Amino acid sequence: EVQLAESGGGLVQAGGSLKLSCAASGFTLVDYAMGWFRQVPGKEREGISCISSSDGTTWYSDSVKGRFSISLDNGRNTVYLQMNTLKPEDAAAYYCAAVYLRPGAQCVTADGMDFWGKGTLVTVSS
């Protein structure tokens, strides 16, 4: 059974840092691109970062570029999101997702993903 389990969310002051983890089971990351998304109530799920497990290529949205860093550990089948200099507007439910590296696969928009975790909540106090 394919599962993605996020952890590491919590309450942090503005300017602080958090590191999210996403442990994958039931498949191996090497065949997938892994993405981090976030969502606040009433808004669409937003893609913020993605990494290809095959070559390590990364992508960041403008809203997090320079502050967030995505990485993965194929041995642990885990992807991480290091979030620095957090802002109140970063508060959201954060989700990891996987997409099989088929031709045309993309991990920027939510509709491109194959599997999803249940999310972890990040709260940023001002």
PDB file of N, CA and C in Angstrom:
ATOM      1  N   GLU A   1       0.846  -1.197   0.000  1.00  0.00           N
ATOM      2  CA  GLU A   1       0.000   0.000   0.000  1.00  0.00           C
ATOM      3  C   GLU A   1       0.882   1.247   0.000  1.00  0.00           C
ATOM      4  N   VAL A   2       0.598   2.146  -0.921  1.00  0.00           N
ATOM      5  CA  VAL A   2       1.344   3.400  -0.999  1.00  0.00           C
ATOM      6  C   VAL A   2       0.895   4.339   0.117  1.00  0.00           C
ATOM      7  N   GLN A   3       1.862   4.858   0.846  1.00  0.00           N
ATOM      8  CA  GLN A   3       1.548   5.834   1.881  1.00  0.00           C
ATOM      9  C   GLN A   3       2.602   6.926   1.914  1.00  0.00           C
ATOM     10  N   LEU A   4       2.156   8.131   2.199  1.00  0.00           N
ATOM     11  CA  LEU A   4       3.031   9.267   2.457  1.00  0.00           C
ATOM     12  C   LEU A   4       2.617   9.849   3.800  1.00  0.00           C
ATOM     13  N   ALA A   5       3.580  10.015   4.682  1.00  0.00           N
ATOM     14  CA  ALA A   5       3.275  10.489   6.027  1.00  0.00           C
ATOM     15  C   ALA A   5       4.128  11.702   6.349  1.00  0.00           C
ATOM     16  N   GLU A   6       3.477  12.860   6.455  1.00  0.00           N
ATOM     17  CA  GLU A   6       4.184  14.088   6.790  1.00  0.00           C
ATOM     18  C   GLU A   6       4.317  14.224   8.312  1.00  0.00           C
ATOM     19  N   SER A   7       5.375  14.901   8.719  1.00  0.00           N
ATOM     20  CA  SER A   7       5.571  15.229  10.126  1.00  0.00           C
ATOM     21  C   SER A   7       6.424  16.477  10.213  1.00  0.00           C
ATOM     22  N   GLY A   8       6.467  17.065  11.407  1.00  0.00           N
ATOM     23  CA  GLY A   8       7.332  18.208  11.633  1.00  0.00           C
ATOM     24  C   GLY A   8       6.632  19.550  11.710  1.00  0.00           C
ATOM     25  N   GLY A   9       5.331  19.558  11.459  1.00  0.00           N
ATOM     26  CA  GLY A   9       4.604  20.814  11.570  1.00  0.00           C
ATOM     27  C   GLY A   9       4.472  21.249  13.012  1.00  0.00           C
ATOM     28  N   GLY A  10       4.019  22.476  13.196  1.00  0.00           N
ATOM     29  CA  GLY A  10       3.839  22.990  14.544  1.00  0.00           C
ATOM     30  C   GLY A  10       3.726  24.491  14.545  1.00  0.00           C
ATOM     31  N   LEU A  11       3.865  25.065  15.733  1.00  0.00           N
ATOM     32  CA  LEU A  11       3.775  26.502  15.924  1.00  0.00           C
ATOM     33  C   LEU A  11       5.182  27.084  16.002  1.00  0.00           C
ATOM     34  N   VAL A  12       5.410  28.139  15.252  1.00  0.00           N
ATOM     35  CA  VAL A  12       6.716  28.791  15.243  1.00  0.00           C
ATOM     36  C   VAL A  12       6.502  30.295  15.144  1.00  0.00           C
ATOM     37  N   GLN A  13       7.410  31.054  15.716  1.00  0.00           N
ATOM     38  CA  GLN A  13       7.334  32.512  15.593  1.00  0.00           C
ATOM     39  C   GLN A  13       7.825  32.951  14.227  1.00  0.00           C
ATOM     40  N   ALA A  14       7.322  34.060  13.770  1.00  0.00           N
ATOM     41  CA  ALA A  14       7.797  34.631  12.518  1.00  0.00           C
ATOM     42  C   ALA A  14       9.316  34.805  12.586  1.00  0.00           C
ATOM     43  N   GLY A  15       9.978  34.445  11.497  1.00  0.00           N
ATOM     44  CA  GLY A  15      11.434  34.491  11.467  1.00  0.00           C
ATOM     45  C   GLY A  15      12.089  33.177  11.848  1.00  0.00           C
ATOM     46  N   GLY A  16      11.308  32.268  12.386  1.00  0.00           N
ATOM     47  CA  GLY A  16      11.833  30.987  12.821  1.00  0.00           C
ATOM     48  C   GLY A  16      11.894  29.967  11.698  1.00  0.00           C
ATOM     49  N   SER A  17      12.238  28.734  12.084  1.00  0.00           N
ATOM     50  CA  SER A  17      12.437  27.657  11.115  1.00  0.00           C
ATOM     51  C   SER A  17      11.698  26.397  11.545  1.00  0.00           C
ATOM     52  N   LEU A  18      11.340  25.618  10.576  1.00  0.00           N
ATOM     53  CA  LEU A  18      10.795  24.281  10.787  1.00  0.00           C
ATOM     54  C   LEU A  18      11.316  23.386   9.681  1.00  0.00           C
ATOM     55  N   LYS A  19      11.420  22.091   9.988  1.00  0.00           N
ATOM     56  CA  LYS A  19      11.787  21.122   8.959  1.00  0.00           C
ATOM     57  C   LYS A  19      10.699  20.060   8.895  1.00  0.00           C
ATOM     58  N   LEU A  20      10.079  19.967   7.749  1.00  0.00           N
ATOM     59  CA  LEU A  20       9.051  18.964   7.525  1.00  0.00           C
ATOM     60  C   LEU A  20       9.668  17.714   6.919  1.00  0.00           C
ATOM     61  N   SER A  21       9.133  16.583   7.276  1.00  0.00           N
ATOM     62  CA  SER A  21       9.550  15.315   6.710  1.00  0.00           C
ATOM     63  C   SER A  21       8.357  14.622   6.077  1.00  0.00           C
ATOM     64  N   CYS A  22       8.631  13.827   5.065  1.00  0.00           N
ATOM     65  CA  CYS A  22       7.588  13.033   4.419  1.00  0.00           C
ATOM     66  C   CYS A  22       8.167  11.647   4.164  1.00  0.00           C
ATOM     67  N   ALA A  23       7.697  10.695   4.923  1.00  0.00           N
ATOM     68  CA  ALA A  23       8.169   9.320   4.791  1.00  0.00           C
ATOM     69  C   ALA A  23       7.277   8.558   3.830  1.00  0.00           C
ATOM     70  N   ALA A  24       7.894   7.973   2.829  1.00  0.00           N
ATOM     71  CA  ALA A  24       7.144   7.216   1.821  1.00  0.00           C
ATOM     72  C   ALA A  24       7.260   5.725   2.089  1.00  0.00           C
ATOM     73  N   SER A  25       6.183   5.015   1.853  1.00  0.00           N
ATOM     74  CA  SER A  25       6.194   3.562   1.962  1.00  0.00           C
ATOM     75  C   SER A  25       5.343   2.979   0.845  1.00  0.00           C
ATOM     76  N   GLY A  26       5.656   1.768   0.452  1.00  0.00           N
ATOM     77  CA  GLY A  26       4.916   1.110  -0.619  1.00  0.00           C
ATOM     78  C   GLY A  26       5.449   1.403  -2.007  1.00  0.00           C
ATOM     79  N   PHE A  27       6.439   2.265  -2.107  1.00  0.00           N
ATOM     80  CA  PHE A  27       7.088   2.544  -3.383  1.00  0.00           C
ATOM     81  C   PHE A  27       8.452   3.158  -3.071  1.00  0.00           C
ATOM     82  N   THR A  28       9.303   3.221  -4.070  1.00  0.00           N
ATOM     83  CA  THR A  28      10.628   3.806  -3.873  1.00  0.00           C
ATOM     84  C   THR A  28      10.699   5.160  -4.575  1.00  0.00           C
ATOM     85  N   LEU A  29      11.280   6.102  -3.882  1.00  0.00           N
ATOM     86  CA  LEU A  29      11.320   7.477  -4.383  1.00  0.00           C
ATOM     87  C   LEU A  29      12.058   7.609  -5.703  1.00  0.00           C
ATOM     88  N   VAL A  30      12.968   6.698  -5.987  1.00  0.00           N
ATOM     89  CA  VAL A  30      13.858   6.871  -7.132  1.00  0.00           C
ATOM     90  C   VAL A  30      13.089   6.965  -8.446  1.00  0.00           C
ATOM     91  N   ASP A  31      11.869   6.453  -8.498  1.00  0.00           N
ATOM     92  CA  ASP A  31      11.077   6.485  -9.724  1.00  0.00           C
ATOM     93  C   ASP A  31      10.091   7.645  -9.769  1.00  0.00           C
ATOM     94  N   TYR A  32      10.179   8.538  -8.781  1.00  0.00           N
ATOM     95  CA  TYR A  32       9.162   9.568  -8.632  1.00  0.00           C
ATOM     96  C   TYR A  32       9.791  10.955  -8.465  1.00  0.00           C
ATOM     97  N   ALA A  33       8.981  11.960  -8.765  1.00  0.00           N
ATOM     98  CA  ALA A  33       9.269  13.320  -8.317  1.00  0.00           C
ATOM     99  C   ALA A  33       8.379  13.577  -7.104  1.00  0.00           C
ATOM    100  N   MET A  34       8.948  14.272  -6.146  1.00  0.00           N
ATOM    101  CA  MET A  34       8.239  14.546  -4.899  1.00  0.00           C
ATOM    102  C   MET A  34       7.991  16.040  -4.775  1.00  0.00           C
ATOM    103  N   GLY A  35       6.779  16.388  -4.399  1.00  0.00           N
ATOM    104  CA  GLY A  35       6.428  17.795  -4.279  1.00  0.00           C
ATOM    105  C   GLY A  35       5.881  18.124  -2.912  1.00  0.00           C
ATOM    106  N   TRP A  36       6.066  19.375  -2.513  1.00  0.00           N
ATOM    107  CA  TRP A  36       5.431  19.917  -1.324  1.00  0.00           C
ATOM    108  C   TRP A  36       4.404  20.959  -1.766  1.00  0.00           C
ATOM    109  N   PHE A  37       3.248  20.869  -1.165  1.00  0.00           N
ATOM    110  CA  PHE A  37       2.155  21.790  -1.449  1.00  0.00           C
ATOM    111  C   PHE A  37       1.646  22.342  -0.132  1.00  0.00           C
ATOM    112  N   ARG A  38       0.919  23.447  -0.205  1.00  0.00           N
ATOM    113  CA  ARG A  38       0.296  23.959   1.000  1.00  0.00           C
ATOM    114  C   ARG A  38      -1.075  24.518   0.658  1.00  0.00           C
ATOM    115  N   GLN A  39      -1.910  24.565   1.669  1.00  0.00           N
ATOM    116  CA  GLN A  39      -3.278  25.011   1.450  1.00  0.00           C
ATOM    117  C   GLN A  39      -3.813  25.686   2.700  1.00  0.00           C
ATOM    118  N   VAL A  40      -4.472  26.809   2.478  1.00  0.00           N
ATOM    119  CA  VAL A  40      -5.199  27.484   3.548  1.00  0.00           C
ATOM    120  C   VAL A  40      -6.678  27.395   3.221  1.00  0.00           C
ATOM    121  N   PRO A  41      -7.519  27.446   4.227  1.00  0.00           N
ATOM    122  CA  PRO A  41      -8.964  27.322   3.979  1.00  0.00           C
ATOM    123  C   PRO A  41      -9.455  28.336   2.956  1.00  0.00           C
ATOM    124  N   GLY A  42     -10.243  27.853   2.010  1.00  0.00           N
ATOM    125  CA  GLY A  42     -10.835  28.723   1.007  1.00  0.00           C
ATOM    126  C   GLY A  42      -9.962  28.986  -0.200  1.00  0.00           C
ATOM    127  N   LYS A  43      -8.760  28.435  -0.186  1.00  0.00           N
ATOM    128  CA  LYS A  43      -7.856  28.648  -1.320  1.00  0.00           C
ATOM    129  C   LYS A  43      -7.443  27.314  -1.928  1.00  0.00           C
ATOM    130  N   GLU A  44      -6.972  27.382  -3.161  1.00  0.00           N
ATOM    131  CA  GLU A  44      -6.506  26.177  -3.829  1.00  0.00           C
ATOM    132  C   GLU A  44      -5.178  25.718  -3.240  1.00  0.00           C
ATOM    133  N   ARG A  45      -4.934  24.426  -3.391  1.00  0.00           N
ATOM    134  CA  ARG A  45      -3.661  23.880  -2.947  1.00  0.00           C
ATOM    135  C   ARG A  45      -2.557  24.416  -3.848  1.00  0.00           C
ATOM    136  N   GLU A  46      -1.528  24.956  -3.220  1.00  0.00           N
ATOM    137  CA  GLU A  46      -0.458  25.655  -3.933  1.00  0.00           C
ATOM    138  C   GLU A  46       0.816  24.813  -3.953  1.00  0.00           C
ATOM    139  N   GLY A  47       1.375  24.609  -5.110  1.00  0.00           N
ATOM    140  CA  GLY A  47       2.665  23.943  -5.206  1.00  0.00           C
ATOM    141  C   GLY A  47       3.765  24.895  -4.812  1.00  0.00           C
ATOM    142  N   ILE A  48       4.667  24.462  -3.927  1.00  0.00           N
ATOM    143  CA  ILE A  48       5.738  25.346  -3.481  1.00  0.00           C
ATOM    144  C   ILE A  48       7.132  24.804  -3.758  1.00  0.00           C
ATOM    145  N   SER A  49       7.281  23.506  -3.900  1.00  0.00           N
ATOM    146  CA  SER A  49       8.604  22.961  -4.168  1.00  0.00           C
ATOM    147  C   SER A  49       8.482  21.540  -4.687  1.00  0.00           C
ATOM    148  N   CYS A  50       9.489  21.147  -5.442  1.00  0.00           N
ATOM    149  CA  CYS A  50       9.467  19.825  -6.044  1.00  0.00           C
ATOM    150  C   CYS A  50      10.902  19.372  -6.274  1.00  0.00           C
ATOM    151  N   ILE A  51      11.125  18.075  -6.201  1.00  0.00           N
ATOM    152  CA  ILE A  51      12.439  17.523  -6.481  1.00  0.00           C
ATOM    153  C   ILE A  51      12.281  16.225  -7.251  1.00  0.00           C
ATOM    154  N   SER A  52      13.114  16.070  -8.262  1.00  0.00           N
ATOM    155  CA  SER A  52      13.129  14.830  -9.015  1.00  0.00           C
ATOM    156  C   SER A  52      14.093  13.857  -8.349  1.00  0.00           C
ATOM    157  N   SER A  53      13.604  12.694  -8.013  1.00  0.00           N
ATOM    158  CA  SER A  53      14.465  11.706  -7.371  1.00  0.00           C
ATOM    159  C   SER A  53      15.490  11.124  -8.333  1.00  0.00           C
ATOM    160  N   SER A  54      15.268  11.260  -9.629  1.00  0.00           N
ATOM    161  CA  SER A  54      16.187  10.656 -10.586  1.00  0.00           C
ATOM    162  C   SER A  54      17.452  11.491 -10.772  1.00  0.00           C
ATOM    163  N   ASP A  55      17.305  12.833 -10.793  1.00  0.00           N
ATOM    164  CA  ASP A  55      18.489  13.658 -11.041  1.00  0.00           C
ATOM    165  C   ASP A  55      18.657  14.803 -10.051  1.00  0.00           C
ATOM    166  N   GLY A  56      17.746  14.904  -9.075  1.00  0.00           N
ATOM    167  CA  GLY A  56      17.883  15.936  -8.054  1.00  0.00           C
ATOM    168  C   GLY A  56      17.453  17.324  -8.477  1.00  0.00           C
ATOM    169  N   THR A  57      16.901  17.460  -9.655  1.00  0.00           N
ATOM    170  CA  THR A  57      16.422  18.771 -10.103  1.00  0.00           C
ATOM    171  C   THR A  57      15.355  19.284  -9.150  1.00  0.00           C
ATOM    172  N   THR A  58      15.455  20.553  -8.786  1.00  0.00           N
ATOM    173  CA  THR A  58      14.498  21.145  -7.851  1.00  0.00           C
ATOM    174  C   THR A  58      13.782  22.330  -8.484  1.00  0.00           C
ATOM    175  N   TRP A  59      12.634  22.631  -7.905  1.00  0.00           N
ATOM    176  CA  TRP A  59      11.855  23.799  -8.316  1.00  0.00           C
ATOM    177  C   TRP A  59      11.248  24.408  -7.061  1.00  0.00           C
ATOM    178  N   TYR A  60      11.182  25.739  -7.050  1.00  0.00           N
ATOM    179  CA  TYR A  60      10.554  26.461  -5.943  1.00  0.00           C
ATOM    180  C   TYR A  60       9.621  27.531  -6.492  1.00  0.00           C
ATOM    181  N   SER A  61       8.519  27.732  -5.824  1.00  0.00           N
ATOM    182  CA  SER A  61       7.654  28.853  -6.181  1.00  0.00           C
ATOM    183  C   SER A  61       8.325  30.150  -5.741  1.00  0.00           C
ATOM    184  N   ASP A  62       7.924  31.235  -6.350  1.00  0.00           N
ATOM    185  CA  ASP A  62       8.497  32.537  -5.993  1.00  0.00           C
ATOM    186  C   ASP A  62       8.241  32.873  -4.530  1.00  0.00           C
ATOM    187  N   SER A  63       7.137  32.374  -3.999  1.00  0.00           N
ATOM    188  CA  SER A  63       6.760  32.725  -2.629  1.00  0.00           C
ATOM    189  C   SER A  63       7.701  32.121  -1.582  1.00  0.00           C
ATOM    190  N   VAL A  64       8.455  31.084  -1.942  1.00  0.00           N
ATOM    191  CA  VAL A  64       9.329  30.436  -0.954  1.00  0.00           C
ATOM    192  C   VAL A  64      10.792  30.397  -1.394  1.00  0.00           C
ATOM    193  N   LYS A  65      11.065  30.798  -2.615  1.00  0.00           N
ATOM    194  CA  LYS A  65      12.429  30.719  -3.141  1.00  0.00           C
ATOM    195  C   LYS A  65      13.378  31.527  -2.264  1.00  0.00           C
ATOM    196  N   GLY A  66      14.488  30.912  -1.933  1.00  0.00           N
ATOM    197  CA  GLY A  66      15.479  31.574  -1.089  1.00  0.00           C
ATOM    198  C   GLY A  66      15.265  31.348   0.393  1.00  0.00           C
ATOM    199  N   ARG A  67      14.101  30.842   0.771  1.00  0.00           N
ATOM    200  CA  ARG A  67      13.818  30.600   2.202  1.00  0.00           C
ATOM    201  C   ARG A  67      13.610  29.104   2.498  1.00  0.00           C
ATOM    202  N   PHE A  68      13.064  28.384   1.548  1.00  0.00           N
ATOM    203  CA  PHE A  68      12.773  26.958   1.738  1.00  0.00           C
ATOM    204  C   PHE A  68      13.765  26.130   0.915  1.00  0.00           C
ATOM    205  N   SER A  69      14.031  24.924   1.392  1.00  0.00           N
ATOM    206  CA  SER A  69      14.941  24.028   0.688  1.00  0.00           C
ATOM    207  C   SER A  69      14.394  22.606   0.746  1.00  0.00           C
ATOM    208  N   ILE A  70      14.298  21.973  -0.415  1.00  0.00           N
ATOM    209  CA  ILE A  70      13.795  20.612  -0.493  1.00  0.00           C
ATOM    210  C   ILE A  70      14.970  19.656  -0.657  1.00  0.00           C
ATOM    211  N   SER A  71      14.856  18.502  -0.035  1.00  0.00           N
ATOM    212  CA  SER A  71      15.905  17.495  -0.181  1.00  0.00           C
ATOM    213  C   SER A  71      15.275  16.124   0.006  1.00  0.00           C
ATOM    214  N   LEU A  72      16.024  15.110  -0.365  1.00  0.00           N
ATOM    215  CA  LEU A  72      15.508  13.763  -0.182  1.00  0.00           C
ATOM    216  C   LEU A  72      16.620  12.813   0.192  1.00  0.00           C
ATOM    217  N   ASP A  73      16.227  11.761   0.864  1.00  0.00           N
ATOM    218  CA  ASP A  73      17.130  10.701   1.268  1.00  0.00           C
ATOM    219  C   ASP A  73      16.553   9.412   0.703  1.00  0.00           C
ATOM    220  N   ASN A  74      17.126   8.959  -0.394  1.00  0.00           N
ATOM    221  CA  ASN A  74      16.594   7.747  -1.021  1.00  0.00           C
ATOM    222  C   ASN A  74      16.733   6.530  -0.111  1.00  0.00           C
ATOM    223  N   GLY A  75      17.781   6.514   0.688  1.00  0.00           N
ATOM    224  CA  GLY A  75      17.970   5.387   1.598  1.00  0.00           C
ATOM    225  C   GLY A  75      16.876   5.289   2.640  1.00  0.00           C
ATOM    226  N   ARG A  76      16.389   6.444   3.090  1.00  0.00           N
ATOM    227  CA  ARG A  76      15.311   6.476   4.085  1.00  0.00           C
ATOM    228  C   ARG A  76      13.949   6.612   3.429  1.00  0.00           C
ATOM    229  N   ASN A  77      13.930   6.730   2.086  1.00  0.00           N
ATOM    230  CA  ASN A  77      12.668   6.928   1.351  1.00  0.00           C
ATOM    231  C   ASN A  77      11.884   8.108   1.918  1.00  0.00           C
ATOM    232  N   THR A  78      12.615   9.189   2.161  1.00  0.00           N
ATOM    233  CA  THR A  78      12.032  10.343   2.835  1.00  0.00           C
ATOM    234  C   THR A  78      12.423  11.618   2.106  1.00  0.00           C
ATOM    235  N   VAL A  79      11.490  12.542   2.006  1.00  0.00           N
ATOM    236  CA  VAL A  79      11.755  13.869   1.439  1.00  0.00           C
ATOM    237  C   VAL A  79      11.536  14.895   2.546  1.00  0.00           C
ATOM    238  N   TYR A  80      12.318  15.953   2.490  1.00  0.00           N
ATOM    239  CA  TYR A  80      12.303  16.969   3.540  1.00  0.00           C
ATOM    240  C   TYR A  80      12.016  18.348   2.947  1.00  0.00           C
ATOM    241  N   LEU A  81      11.498  19.216   3.775  1.00  0.00           N
ATOM    242  CA  LEU A  81      11.351  20.617   3.410  1.00  0.00           C
ATOM    243  C   LEU A  81      11.843  21.451   4.577  1.00  0.00           C
ATOM    244  N   GLN A  82      13.009  22.063   4.403  1.00  0.00           N
ATOM    245  CA  GLN A  82      13.550  22.971   5.404  1.00  0.00           C
ATOM    246  C   GLN A  82      12.973  24.354   5.147  1.00  0.00           C
ATOM    247  N   MET A  83      12.303  24.892   6.134  1.00  0.00           N
ATOM    248  CA  MET A  83      11.639  26.186   5.982  1.00  0.00           C
ATOM    249  C   MET A  83      12.287  27.184   6.937  1.00  0.00           C
ATOM    250  N   ASN A  84      12.899  28.202   6.377  1.00  0.00           N
ATOM    251  CA  ASN A  84      13.566  29.233   7.159  1.00  0.00           C
ATOM    252  C   ASN A  84      12.871  30.574   6.968  1.00  0.00           C
ATOM    253  N   THR A  85      13.153  31.478   7.885  1.00  0.00           N
ATOM    254  CA  THR A  85      12.606  32.837   7.824  1.00  0.00           C
ATOM    255  C   THR A  85      11.104  32.788   7.565  1.00  0.00           C
ATOM    256  N   LEU A  86      10.413  32.027   8.368  1.00  0.00           N
ATOM    257  CA  LEU A  86       8.981  31.845   8.173  1.00  0.00           C
ATOM    258  C   LEU A  86       8.216  33.139   8.410  1.00  0.00           C
ATOM    259  N   LYS A  87       7.183  33.316   7.613  1.00  0.00           N
ATOM    260  CA  LYS A  87       6.326  34.489   7.678  1.00  0.00           C
ATOM    261  C   LYS A  87       4.917  34.056   8.067  1.00  0.00           C
ATOM    262  N   PRO A  88       4.125  34.953   8.615  1.00  0.00           N
ATOM    263  CA  PRO A  88       2.733  34.581   8.941  1.00  0.00           C
ATOM    264  C   PRO A  88       1.973  34.036   7.741  1.00  0.00           C
ATOM    265  N   GLU A  89       2.288  34.527   6.561  1.00  0.00           N
ATOM    266  CA  GLU A  89       1.589  34.052   5.358  1.00  0.00           C
ATOM    267  C   GLU A  89       2.010  32.650   4.940  1.00  0.00           C
ATOM    268  N   ASP A  90       3.018  32.083   5.598  1.00  0.00           N
ATOM    269  CA  ASP A  90       3.396  30.693   5.342  1.00  0.00           C
ATOM    270  C   ASP A  90       2.517  29.704   6.110  1.00  0.00           C
ATOM    271  N   ALA A  91       1.726  30.203   7.029  1.00  0.00           N
ATOM    272  CA  ALA A  91       0.857  29.325   7.811  1.00  0.00           C
ATOM    273  C   ALA A  91      -0.128  28.616   6.893  1.00  0.00           C
ATOM    274  N   ALA A  92      -0.185  27.295   7.015  1.00  0.00           N
ATOM    275  CA  ALA A  92      -1.035  26.492   6.121  1.00  0.00           C
ATOM    276  C   ALA A  92      -0.924  25.036   6.535  1.00  0.00           C
ATOM    277  N   ALA A  93      -1.759  24.221   5.917  1.00  0.00           N
ATOM    278  CA  ALA A  93      -1.559  22.783   5.961  1.00  0.00           C
ATOM    279  C   ALA A  93      -0.596  22.429   4.841  1.00  0.00           C
ATOM    280  N   TYR A  94       0.442  21.682   5.173  1.00  0.00           N
ATOM    281  CA  TYR A  94       1.465  21.318   4.195  1.00  0.00           C
ATOM    282  C   TYR A  94       1.332  19.843   3.848  1.00  0.00           C
ATOM    283  N   TYR A  95       1.367  19.573   2.566  1.00  0.00           N
ATOM    284  CA  TYR A  95       1.190  18.227   2.060  1.00  0.00           C
ATOM    285  C   TYR A  95       2.379  17.826   1.187  1.00  0.00           C
ATOM    286  N   CYS A  96       2.787  16.576   1.276  1.00  0.00           N
ATOM    287  CA  CYS A  96       3.720  16.066   0.286  1.00  0.00           C
ATOM    288  C   CYS A  96       2.959  15.167  -0.677  1.00  0.00           C
ATOM    289  N   ALA A  97       3.500  15.047  -1.867  1.00  0.00           N
ATOM    290  CA  ALA A  97       2.851  14.268  -2.909  1.00  0.00           C
ATOM    291  C   ALA A  97       3.906  13.700  -3.837  1.00  0.00           C
ATOM    292  N   ALA A  98       3.527  12.666  -4.549  1.00  0.00           N
ATOM    293  CA  ALA A  98       4.450  11.984  -5.452  1.00  0.00           C
ATOM    294  C   ALA A  98       3.830  11.848  -6.825  1.00  0.00           C
ATOM    295  N   VAL A  99       4.669  11.958  -7.832  1.00  0.00           N
ATOM    296  CA  VAL A  99       4.232  11.707  -9.205  1.00  0.00           C
ATOM    297  C   VAL A  99       5.257  10.810  -9.871  1.00  0.00           C
ATOM    298  N   TYR A 100       4.763   9.764 -10.534  1.00  0.00           N
ATOM    299  CA  TYR A 100       5.656   8.840 -11.239  1.00  0.00           C
ATOM    300  C   TYR A 100       6.332   9.579 -12.390  1.00  0.00           C
ATOM    301  N   LEU A 101       7.613   9.313 -12.572  1.00  0.00           N
ATOM    302  CA  LEU A 101       8.385  10.016 -13.598  1.00  0.00           C
ATOM    303  C   LEU A 101       8.089   9.455 -14.993  1.00  0.00           C
ATOM    304  N   ARG A 102       6.865   9.639 -15.436  1.00  0.00           N
ATOM    305  CA  ARG A 102       6.455   9.302 -16.791  1.00  0.00           C
ATOM    306  C   ARG A 102       6.698  10.508 -17.671  1.00  0.00           C
ATOM    307  N   PRO A 103       6.747  10.347 -19.004  1.00  0.00           N
ATOM    308  CA  PRO A 103       6.889  11.514 -19.888  1.00  0.00           C
ATOM    309  C   PRO A 103       5.769  12.516 -19.649  1.00  0.00           C
ATOM    310  N   GLY A 104       6.119  13.771 -19.499  1.00  0.00           N
ATOM    311  CA  GLY A 104       5.135  14.807 -19.264  1.00  0.00           C
ATOM    312  C   GLY A 104       4.761  15.013 -17.829  1.00  0.00           C
ATOM    313  N   ALA A 105       5.355  14.239 -16.921  1.00  0.00           N
ATOM    314  CA  ALA A 105       5.019  14.394 -15.504  1.00  0.00           C
ATOM    315  C   ALA A 105       5.451  15.772 -15.016  1.00  0.00           C
ATOM    316  N   GLN A 106       4.615  16.352 -14.171  1.00  0.00           N
ATOM    317  CA  GLN A 106       4.959  17.626 -13.565  1.00  0.00           C
ATOM    318  C   GLN A 106       4.516  17.618 -12.108  1.00  0.00           C
ATOM    319  N   CYS A 107       5.193  18.402 -11.304  1.00  0.00           N
ATOM    320  CA  CYS A 107       4.880  18.414  -9.877  1.00  0.00           C
ATOM    321  C   CYS A 107       4.685  19.840  -9.375  1.00  0.00           C
ATOM    322  N   VAL A 108       4.255  20.707 -10.258  1.00  0.00           N
ATOM    323  CA  VAL A 108       4.028  22.101  -9.893  1.00  0.00           C
ATOM    324  C   VAL A 108       2.585  22.338  -9.477  1.00  0.00           C
ATOM    325  N   THR A 109       1.666  21.671 -10.141  1.00  0.00           N
ATOM    326  CA  THR A 109       0.252  21.823  -9.808  1.00  0.00           C
ATOM    327  C   THR A 109      -0.282  20.539  -9.202  1.00  0.00           C
ATOM    328  N   ALA A 110      -1.259  20.710  -8.331  1.00  0.00           N
ATOM    329  CA  ALA A 110      -1.772  19.576  -7.563  1.00  0.00           C
ATOM    330  C   ALA A 110      -2.377  18.499  -8.450  1.00  0.00           C
ATOM    331  N   ASP A 111      -2.962  18.885  -9.572  1.00  0.00           N
ATOM    332  CA  ASP A 111      -3.627  17.886 -10.413  1.00  0.00           C
ATOM    333  C   ASP A 111      -2.650  16.974 -11.128  1.00  0.00           C
ATOM    334  N   GLY A 112      -1.350  17.265 -11.032  1.00  0.00           N
ATOM    335  CA  GLY A 112      -0.362  16.418 -11.670  1.00  0.00           C
ATOM    336  C   GLY A 112       0.149  15.279 -10.811  1.00  0.00           C
ATOM    337  N   MET A 113      -0.266  15.240  -9.551  1.00  0.00           N
ATOM    338  CA  MET A 113       0.312  14.294  -8.605  1.00  0.00           C
ATOM    339  C   MET A 113      -0.499  13.010  -8.520  1.00  0.00           C
ATOM    340  N   ASP A 114       0.224  11.916  -8.196  1.00  0.00           N
ATOM    341  CA  ASP A 114      -0.411  10.599  -8.116  1.00  0.00           C
ATOM    342  C   ASP A 114      -0.836  10.224  -6.696  1.00  0.00           C
ATOM    343  N   PHE A 115       0.008  10.534  -5.722  1.00  0.00           N
ATOM    344  CA  PHE A 115      -0.268  10.136  -4.334  1.00  0.00           C
ATOM    345  C   PHE A 115      -0.090  11.331  -3.418  1.00  0.00           C
ATOM    346  N   TRP A 116      -0.860  11.320  -2.324  1.00  0.00           N
ATOM    347  CA  TRP A 116      -0.833  12.424  -1.371  1.00  0.00           C
ATOM    348  C   TRP A 116      -0.728  11.912   0.061  1.00  0.00           C
ATOM    349  N   GLY A 117      -0.045  12.696   0.877  1.00  0.00           N
ATOM    350  CA  GLY A 117      -0.108  12.481   2.307  1.00  0.00           C
ATOM    351  C   GLY A 117      -1.303  13.208   2.880  1.00  0.00           C
ATOM    352  N   LYS A 118      -1.487  13.066   4.203  1.00  0.00           N
ATOM    353  CA  LYS A 118      -2.644  13.671   4.859  1.00  0.00           C
ATOM    354  C   LYS A 118      -2.371  15.070   5.364  1.00  0.00           C
ATOM    355  N   GLY A 119      -1.122  15.481   5.345  1.00  0.00           N
ATOM    356  CA  GLY A 119      -0.795  16.846   5.692  1.00  0.00           C
ATOM    357  C   GLY A 119      -0.328  17.039   7.111  1.00  0.00           C
ATOM    358  N   THR A 120       0.392  18.138   7.314  1.00  0.00           N
ATOM    359  CA  THR A 120       0.822  18.569   8.639  1.00  0.00           C
ATOM    360  C   THR A 120       0.631  20.077   8.714  1.00  0.00           C
ATOM    361  N   LEU A 121       0.182  20.544   9.865  1.00  0.00           N
ATOM    362  CA  LEU A 121      -0.193  21.947  10.005  1.00  0.00           C
ATOM    363  C   LEU A 121       0.978  22.790  10.487  1.00  0.00           C
ATOM    364  N   VAL A 122       1.181  23.899   9.820  1.00  0.00           N
ATOM    365  CA  VAL A 122       2.209  24.870  10.208  1.00  0.00           C
ATOM    366  C   VAL A 122       1.506  26.167  10.592  1.00  0.00           C
ATOM    367  N   THR A 123       1.788  26.636  11.793  1.00  0.00           N
ATOM    368  CA  THR A 123       1.231  27.890  12.286  1.00  0.00           C
ATOM    369  C   THR A 123       2.382  28.843  12.569  1.00  0.00           C
ATOM    370  N   VAL A 124       2.279  30.061  12.082  1.00  0.00           N
ATOM    371  CA  VAL A 124       3.336  31.051  12.266  1.00  0.00           C
ATOM    372  C   VAL A 124       2.747  32.251  12.992  1.00  0.00           C
ATOM    373  N   SER A 125       3.262  32.534  14.158  1.00  0.00           N
ATOM    374  CA  SER A 125       2.761  33.658  14.936  1.00  0.00           C
ATOM    375  C   SER A 125       3.573  34.909  14.620  1.00  0.00           C
ATOM    376  N   SER A 126       2.902  36.035  14.604  1.00  0.00           N
ATOM    377  CA  SER A 126       3.584  37.293  14.275  1.00  0.00           C
ATOM    378  C   SER A 126       4.088  37.994  15.521  1.00  0.00           C
TER     379      SER A 126
END
